[in-house]
Every structure is written in C-alpha cells, then in structure tokens.
Protein backbone atom coordinates (compact mmCIF):
# COMPACT_ATOMS: atom_id res chain seq x y z
CA MET A 1 31.72 8.73 -17.67
CA GLU A 2 31.54 7.89 -13.98
CA PRO A 3 33.73 4.95 -12.94
CA VAL A 4 30.72 3.02 -11.62
CA THR A 5 28.96 3.32 -14.99
CA SER A 6 32.09 2.15 -16.81
CA TRP A 7 32.18 -0.81 -14.44
CA LEU A 8 28.57 -1.73 -15.22
CA ILE A 9 29.17 -1.79 -19.00
CA GLU A 10 32.14 -4.13 -18.86
CA ASP A 11 31.73 -7.30 -20.91
CA ASP A 12 31.68 -9.81 -18.04
CA ASN A 13 27.90 -9.44 -17.50
CA PRO A 14 26.23 -8.87 -20.90
CA TYR A 15 22.72 -8.40 -19.49
CA ILE A 16 23.79 -5.74 -16.98
CA LYS A 17 25.74 -4.05 -19.78
CA TYR A 18 22.60 -4.03 -21.96
CA LEU A 19 20.36 -2.75 -19.14
CA THR A 20 22.84 -0.02 -18.22
CA TYR A 21 23.04 1.25 -21.79
CA LYS A 22 19.26 1.12 -22.12
CA ASN A 23 17.99 2.40 -18.76
CA ILE A 24 20.84 4.48 -17.33
CA LEU A 25 22.69 5.80 -20.38
CA GLY A 26 19.51 6.07 -22.45
CA LYS A 27 20.79 4.30 -25.56
CA LYS A 28 18.05 2.98 -27.85
CA ILE A 29 18.53 -0.74 -28.36
CA ASP A 30 16.18 -2.84 -30.50
CA LYS A 31 16.39 -6.23 -28.80
CA LYS A 32 13.78 -7.75 -31.12
CA GLY A 33 15.60 -6.44 -34.18
CA SER A 34 18.92 -7.73 -32.84
CA PRO A 35 18.21 -11.27 -31.62
CA GLU A 36 21.92 -11.98 -31.23
CA ILE A 37 21.76 -9.85 -28.07
CA ILE A 38 19.96 -12.72 -26.30
CA ASP A 39 22.71 -15.08 -27.40
CA ARG A 40 25.23 -12.82 -25.66
CA PHE A 41 23.17 -12.95 -22.45
CA ALA A 42 23.45 -16.74 -22.64
CA SER A 43 27.23 -16.47 -22.51
CA PHE A 44 27.11 -15.17 -18.93
CA LYS A 45 28.69 -17.88 -16.79
CA ALA A 46 25.72 -18.41 -14.45
CA VAL A 47 23.32 -18.59 -17.40
CA SER A 48 25.40 -20.97 -19.49
CA SER A 49 25.92 -23.21 -16.46
CA ILE A 50 22.17 -23.49 -15.84
CA LEU A 51 21.44 -24.12 -19.52
CA ASN A 52 24.06 -26.87 -19.66
CA MET A 53 22.38 -28.69 -16.73
CA GLN A 54 19.02 -29.03 -18.53
CA SER A 55 18.06 -32.57 -19.48
CA LYS A 56 17.25 -33.44 -23.08
CA LYS A 57 13.62 -33.85 -22.05
CA GLY A 58 13.51 -30.27 -20.81
CA TRP A 59 13.66 -30.50 -17.02
CA TRP A 60 16.27 -29.76 -14.38
CA GLY A 61 16.95 -31.98 -11.38
CA THR A 62 14.14 -34.52 -11.55
CA ASP A 63 11.10 -34.98 -13.74
CA THR A 64 8.75 -33.51 -11.11
CA TYR A 65 7.06 -30.12 -11.13
CA SER A 66 6.25 -27.80 -8.25
CA PHE A 67 7.91 -24.86 -6.48
CA ASN A 68 9.83 -27.32 -4.31
CA PRO A 69 12.63 -28.13 -3.80
CA LEU A 70 13.26 -24.41 -3.65
CA TYR A 71 15.72 -22.97 -6.18
CA LYS A 72 16.91 -26.23 -7.70
CA ASN A 73 14.07 -27.55 -9.85
CA THR A 74 12.74 -26.73 -13.31
CA PHE A 75 10.47 -23.85 -12.27
CA TRP A 76 13.23 -21.98 -10.48
CA GLN A 77 15.79 -22.45 -13.27
CA LEU A 78 13.32 -20.89 -15.70
CA TYR A 79 12.72 -18.02 -13.30
CA PHE A 80 16.43 -17.38 -12.74
CA LEU A 81 17.10 -17.53 -16.48
CA SER A 82 14.26 -15.09 -17.16
CA ILE A 83 15.62 -12.43 -14.79
CA MET A 84 19.07 -12.77 -16.35
CA GLY A 85 17.77 -11.83 -19.79
CA ILE A 86 17.01 -15.21 -21.35
CA THR A 87 13.92 -15.61 -23.55
CA ARG A 88 12.24 -18.40 -25.48
CA ARG A 89 14.64 -17.70 -28.32
CA ILE A 90 17.13 -19.95 -26.49
CA SER A 91 16.83 -23.64 -27.26
CA GLY A 92 15.18 -25.70 -24.53
CA ILE A 93 13.10 -22.90 -23.00
CA ASP A 94 9.88 -23.75 -24.86
CA LYS A 95 10.12 -27.37 -23.81
CA ALA A 96 10.70 -26.51 -20.14
CA VAL A 97 7.89 -23.93 -20.04
CA GLU A 98 5.50 -26.45 -21.55
CA LEU A 99 6.36 -28.91 -18.79
CA VAL A 100 5.89 -26.32 -16.02
CA VAL A 101 2.60 -24.98 -17.40
CA ASN A 102 1.17 -28.45 -18.03
CA HIS A 103 2.10 -29.75 -14.57
CA ILE A 104 1.65 -26.71 -12.28
CA GLN A 105 -0.87 -24.32 -13.80
CA LYS A 106 -4.55 -25.10 -13.15
CA ASP A 107 -7.48 -24.57 -15.49
CA ASP A 108 -8.34 -21.28 -13.79
CA GLY A 109 -4.86 -19.91 -14.64
CA SER A 110 -3.43 -20.20 -11.13
CA PHE A 111 -0.02 -21.54 -10.14
CA PRO A 112 -0.83 -23.01 -6.71
CA SER A 113 1.82 -23.95 -4.20
CA SER A 114 1.90 -27.32 -2.47
CA SER A 115 3.91 -29.00 0.28
CA LYS A 116 4.75 -26.87 3.35
CA TYR A 117 3.12 -23.67 2.07
CA SER A 118 0.04 -24.49 0.05
CA GLY A 119 -2.63 -22.68 -1.89
CA ASN A 120 -2.70 -19.62 -4.12
CA LEU A 121 0.03 -17.39 -2.74
CA CYS A 122 0.25 -13.87 -4.17
CA CYS A 123 4.04 -13.99 -4.16
CA MET A 124 4.27 -17.17 -6.23
CA GLU A 125 1.46 -16.15 -8.57
CA GLY A 126 3.37 -12.94 -9.28
CA ILE A 127 6.70 -14.70 -9.74
CA SER A 128 5.12 -17.21 -12.13
CA LEU A 129 3.61 -14.45 -14.26
CA GLU A 130 6.83 -12.43 -14.23
CA MET A 131 8.72 -15.47 -15.48
CA LEU A 132 6.31 -16.06 -18.38
CA LEU A 133 6.38 -12.42 -19.45
CA ARG A 134 10.16 -12.13 -19.30
CA LEU A 135 10.62 -15.33 -21.28
CA GLY A 136 8.42 -13.96 -24.06
CA TYR A 137 5.02 -15.61 -23.62
CA ALA A 138 2.82 -12.51 -23.26
CA ASP A 139 0.70 -13.53 -26.25
CA TYR A 140 -0.03 -17.04 -25.00
CA ASP A 141 -3.34 -18.09 -23.46
CA PHE A 142 -1.71 -19.54 -20.34
CA THR A 143 -0.20 -16.12 -19.60
CA LYS A 144 -3.49 -14.31 -20.16
CA LYS A 145 -5.20 -16.82 -17.86
CA SER A 146 -2.59 -16.11 -15.20
CA ILE A 147 -3.30 -12.37 -15.39
CA ASN A 148 -7.03 -12.96 -15.17
CA PHE A 149 -6.61 -15.22 -12.14
CA ILE A 150 -4.42 -12.67 -10.34
CA ASN A 151 -6.93 -9.89 -11.04
CA ASN A 152 -9.66 -11.98 -9.44
CA LEU A 153 -7.43 -13.06 -6.55
CA VAL A 154 -6.52 -9.48 -5.66
CA TYR A 155 -10.15 -8.37 -6.05
CA ARG A 156 -11.25 -11.08 -3.58
CA GLU A 157 -8.39 -11.06 -1.08
CA SER A 158 -6.47 -7.79 -1.57
CA PHE A 159 -3.01 -9.39 -1.07
CA ARG A 160 -4.02 -11.21 2.11
CA CYS A 161 -1.93 -14.26 3.00
CA LYS A 162 -2.86 -17.06 5.38
CA TYR A 163 0.81 -17.30 6.39
CA ARG A 164 0.65 -13.69 7.62
CA GLN A 165 -2.39 -14.37 9.81
CA ASN A 166 -4.56 -13.37 6.83
CA LEU A 167 -3.09 -9.86 6.81
CA ARG A 168 -2.14 -8.10 3.61
CA CYS A 169 1.32 -9.10 2.44
CA PRO A 170 3.73 -6.55 0.92
CA TRP A 171 5.88 -9.33 -0.55
CA GLY A 172 2.90 -10.59 -2.55
CA ALA A 173 1.99 -7.08 -3.70
CA ILE A 174 5.58 -6.44 -4.79
CA LYS A 175 5.76 -9.62 -6.87
CA ILE A 176 2.43 -8.95 -8.57
CA LEU A 177 3.22 -5.31 -9.33
CA LYS A 178 6.65 -6.33 -10.62
CA ALA A 179 5.01 -8.71 -13.08
CA TYR A 180 2.28 -6.26 -14.08
CA ASN A 181 4.91 -3.65 -14.94
CA LEU A 182 5.98 -6.03 -17.73
CA VAL A 183 2.55 -6.56 -19.34
CA PRO A 184 2.53 -5.18 -22.91
CA GLU A 185 0.34 -2.12 -23.39
CA LYS A 186 -2.02 -3.96 -25.74
CA TYR A 187 -3.09 -6.22 -22.87
CA VAL A 188 -3.53 -3.49 -20.25
CA ASP A 189 -7.23 -3.12 -19.46
CA GLU A 190 -9.34 -1.65 -16.67
CA LYS A 191 -9.03 -4.73 -14.44
CA LEU A 192 -5.27 -4.86 -14.78
CA GLU A 193 -4.96 -1.12 -14.06
CA SER A 194 -7.15 -1.59 -10.99
CA THR A 195 -4.92 -4.38 -9.68
CA LYS A 196 -1.79 -2.30 -10.27
CA LYS A 197 -3.31 0.67 -8.46
CA LYS A 198 -4.28 -1.48 -5.46
CA ALA A 199 -0.74 -2.83 -5.23
CA LEU A 200 0.88 0.58 -5.63
CA ASP A 201 -1.42 2.30 -3.15
CA PHE A 202 -0.84 -0.42 -0.57
CA LEU A 203 2.95 -0.44 -0.93
CA VAL A 204 3.46 3.34 -0.64
CA LYS A 205 0.85 3.88 2.08
CA TYR A 206 3.19 2.73 4.85
CA ASP A 207 6.68 3.72 5.98
CA ILE A 208 8.74 1.54 3.64
CA VAL A 209 11.99 1.77 5.59
CA GLU A 210 10.33 0.78 8.86
CA ALA A 211 8.21 -1.84 7.08
CA ASN A 212 5.13 -0.70 8.97
CA TYR A 213 2.89 -3.06 7.03
CA PRO A 214 0.20 -5.02 8.87
CA ARG A 215 1.81 -7.89 10.77
CA LYS A 216 1.61 -9.83 14.00
CA LYS A 217 5.16 -11.19 13.98
CA ASP A 218 8.53 -9.45 14.13
CA ARG A 219 9.83 -7.69 11.04
CA SER A 220 12.28 -9.73 8.95
CA ASN A 221 15.86 -8.45 8.99
CA ASN A 222 16.09 -9.49 5.33
CA TRP A 223 14.01 -6.39 4.55
CA PHE A 224 17.11 -4.23 4.99
CA MET A 225 19.51 -6.52 3.09
CA PHE A 226 19.74 -5.94 -0.65
CA GLY A 227 19.92 -9.15 -2.66
CA TYR A 228 19.59 -10.57 -6.16
CA PRO A 229 17.96 -12.74 -7.16
CA ARG A 230 15.12 -12.68 -4.69
CA SER A 231 12.46 -15.35 -4.44
CA TYR A 232 9.17 -15.08 -2.53
CA ASN A 233 10.61 -12.59 -0.03
CA SER A 234 11.70 -9.03 -0.74
CA ASP A 235 13.66 -6.00 0.43
CA ILE A 236 13.49 -2.21 0.38
CA LEU A 237 15.38 -1.92 -2.91
CA GLU A 238 13.10 -4.32 -4.78
CA LEU A 239 9.98 -2.56 -3.48
CA VAL A 240 11.19 0.91 -4.43
CA THR A 241 12.40 -0.29 -7.84
CA VAL A 242 8.97 -1.78 -8.53
CA VAL A 243 6.90 1.23 -7.42
CA VAL A 244 9.15 3.66 -9.32
CA ASP A 245 8.85 1.49 -12.44
CA ALA A 246 5.08 1.70 -11.93
CA GLY A 247 5.25 5.50 -12.07
CA CYS A 248 5.68 6.55 -8.45
CA SER A 249 8.10 9.44 -7.90
CA LYS A 250 10.25 10.88 -5.16
CA ASN A 251 7.32 13.14 -4.26
CA SER A 252 5.79 10.32 -2.22
CA ARG A 253 7.02 10.88 1.34
CA ASN A 254 7.48 7.18 2.05
CA VAL A 255 9.24 6.58 -1.27
CA ARG A 256 11.49 9.59 -0.69
CA ARG A 257 12.57 8.24 2.68
CA ALA A 258 13.27 4.83 1.13
CA LEU A 259 15.36 6.47 -1.61
CA ASP A 260 17.34 8.21 1.14
CA TYR A 261 17.96 4.80 2.66
CA ILE A 262 19.06 3.27 -0.65
CA LEU A 263 21.55 6.08 -1.26
CA SER A 264 22.87 5.78 2.30
CA LYS A 265 24.03 2.24 1.53
CA ARG A 266 26.22 3.31 -1.38
CA LEU A 267 29.89 2.43 -0.89
CA PRO A 268 32.67 5.03 -1.28
CA ASP A 269 33.52 3.68 -4.76
CA GLY A 270 29.94 4.31 -5.95
CA THR A 271 28.76 0.70 -5.86
CA TRP A 272 26.35 -1.24 -3.67
CA LYS A 273 27.13 -4.66 -2.23
CA MET A 274 25.22 -7.93 -2.26
CA GLU A 275 24.00 -8.37 1.32
CA TYR A 276 21.50 -11.20 0.82
CA SER A 277 22.28 -14.17 -1.39
CA LEU A 278 20.82 -17.49 -2.47
CA ASN A 279 24.31 -18.78 -3.20
CA GLY A 280 24.69 -22.35 -2.03
CA ARG A 281 20.96 -22.95 -2.42
CA MET A 282 20.81 -22.46 -6.19
CA LEU A 283 22.37 -24.72 -8.80
CA VAL A 284 24.88 -21.95 -9.51
CA ASP A 285 26.19 -18.98 -7.54
CA ILE A 286 25.62 -15.40 -8.65
CA GLU A 287 28.31 -12.93 -7.59
CA LYS A 288 29.69 -12.97 -4.03
CA LYS A 289 27.90 -12.05 -0.83
CA ASN A 290 29.10 -8.89 0.92
CA LYS A 291 31.04 -7.80 -2.19
CA PRO A 292 30.19 -5.02 -4.68
CA SER A 293 27.37 -6.27 -6.91
CA LYS A 294 26.64 -5.23 -10.47
CA TRP A 295 23.04 -6.37 -10.08
CA ILE A 296 22.39 -4.36 -6.92
CA THR A 297 24.31 -1.35 -8.21
CA TYR A 298 22.37 -1.32 -11.47
CA PHE A 299 18.96 -1.48 -9.77
CA ALA A 300 19.90 1.13 -7.18
CA LEU A 301 21.23 3.59 -9.77
CA LYS A 302 18.38 3.04 -12.19
CA THR A 303 15.82 3.64 -9.45
CA LEU A 304 17.55 6.74 -8.08
CA TYR A 305 17.70 8.21 -11.58
CA ARG A 306 14.25 7.16 -12.76
CA SER A 307 12.61 8.60 -9.65
CA LYS A 308 14.48 11.89 -10.29
CA TYR A 309 15.98 11.58 -6.82
CA LEU A 310 19.38 11.93 -8.50
CA GLU A 311 19.96 13.92 -11.66
CA LYS A 312 22.17 12.33 -14.27
CA LYS A 313 24.28 13.96 -16.91
CA ASN A 314 24.38 12.68 -20.48
CA GLU A 315 27.12 10.13 -19.97
CA LEU A 316 26.45 8.45 -23.29
CA GLN A 317 27.11 11.73 -25.08
CA ASP A 318 30.26 12.22 -23.02
CA GLN A 319 31.41 8.73 -23.99
CA GLN A 320 30.84 9.37 -27.69
CA SER A 321 32.46 12.83 -27.77
C-alpha cells in the first residue's frame, strides 16, 4: 500500500478513513447497516467540539437564524457537521435542522440570504440543499421543495448572480451540482437531470485553470488555493471533484488541463497541503494551513482516480494478502 494511502486510513480522522476505504480502496461498506460508523465520525475532535457547543434548545451561538454571522451560527455548524460525516442519527441534529428550516426556508422552498448579500443566491441554495441531503433528509418535504425551487431558479436565471453584474456564476453552479450529485436515484427526474446538465455544461465549457468564466472584475486568487471546508466560494479542486462525480471524464480538454494542475500541486511525499482555510473564523479549526491535509489529499486522489487520469492498483487486495 502506498504511504499516502496508509496515512489516509489512520484512526485520527474516522470520516477520511471511511471515505478512503470506500472510494479509493473500493471496499464495500454498508453505512446504513452499520450505524455505529456515524458514532465514530462524531469522535473526530472538530466534530465533537462543535457538538459539545450546541445549546439544549438546539442552536449554536445565539437563538437567531440566517447565514450570518458567517461560519459561527447554527446554519454553518450544521453544514460543517454534514461535510464531516454527521447525520441525523446524532442527537441534537433533528432539533437544529427544524430550527433552521422553520426560520430560514420560505414557502417556495428557497433559503434566501439577507443582510449584506440578499436574495436567492445559487451558492447558498446549493449549500443548503447539500447540507440537508448529507444529514439524511432526502425524503422530507422541505428537501424536495428545495430541489424544486433550485430547478426553477436555474431555469429562470441560469446561474446568474446580481453580485457578479448578473453574469453566470461558476461558484453557484458548483454548489448546486455538488448537491445534486447527492440526490437519491428515486428522486432524479427530468427537471433535475436538466439542471445538472446545465451546471455541468457551463462548468466544463471554459478553461477551468484560467477561470475564463464570464466576469467583469479580476479573478480571485482563492481559485488556485485548495481548501476545506469551503463556503460560498470555490477552487479548482472542488470544481473538478464535482464535475467528475457528475460523470465527466479526463476526455474533456478543460477537465484534463485542470487534472494536470491538481497533480502538479502534489508534494514530494504524495500529499497535498491546505492552502485556504477558514480557521479562526469557525468555532473550531480544521487541520493547519499550509500543512499536508488529509481532506485535500483525499479529494485530489479520489478525483484523479475516478476520472481515470491516474490508474490505481488494487491496494486493498495488497493489504489483505
């Protein structure tokens, strides 16, 4: 087994260990049939710290509900927990989701933003849906309403954002496609497939590395800095991970060039480092900036393998022999 794979399956990050076995080593793991797996995810230091900060009434910080203050309120704790493997199986999640849905979601299924950036933003609609799906609420009406709203939003506005001079926003398309990749097959219909195709076609149409998407302002340097977790913004790694998960391969010229770029950032020891971080802005820190990152390394390796850009040997078989 390669040293970097052995590093990813160490016990210090149970969710990365699980994802590596499942998506890189190809081991079949029945998470639903083994609910104790979720309990192990909750033992991860960042996760347990967030869970311990939740009030008995279900909220974090203050009993107010919006996307602000960024990264420190109830919505963001639920999102961060969801992308670290936590589901509604964990005590307190149902109560917090009920608060967020009742206070933020509108009757039409939208999760509108308020304060400095207001309205129905594709990025935040996608993040909200991703959170609900990851936490295990795919069968709930509020999740189905969110999907229906996003379908209609994309049909009307095609990822346009008023904060990009009404140009189409790749960040919004990434967040929506990322969420739609998680929708169970039984809920995938013609409208959802159409929305996914619009997002995928838009994202791979342009030179990903150069970020040649429609814009009137300068390109963000954050585009080239790999980070986890992300919020409303994005980077090359997240985009390529999302489009590859949606079925795009290395045969796309723009995707191939982006895969070249991802591989070029690999360190001599086989890892990738965390270049962009929300540490200091979240309630807890996740890994260390500018140090080798298990999160970034996992997503980079998974994407390089899944796209068939890199061929992998049967490391699981090697481990067992």
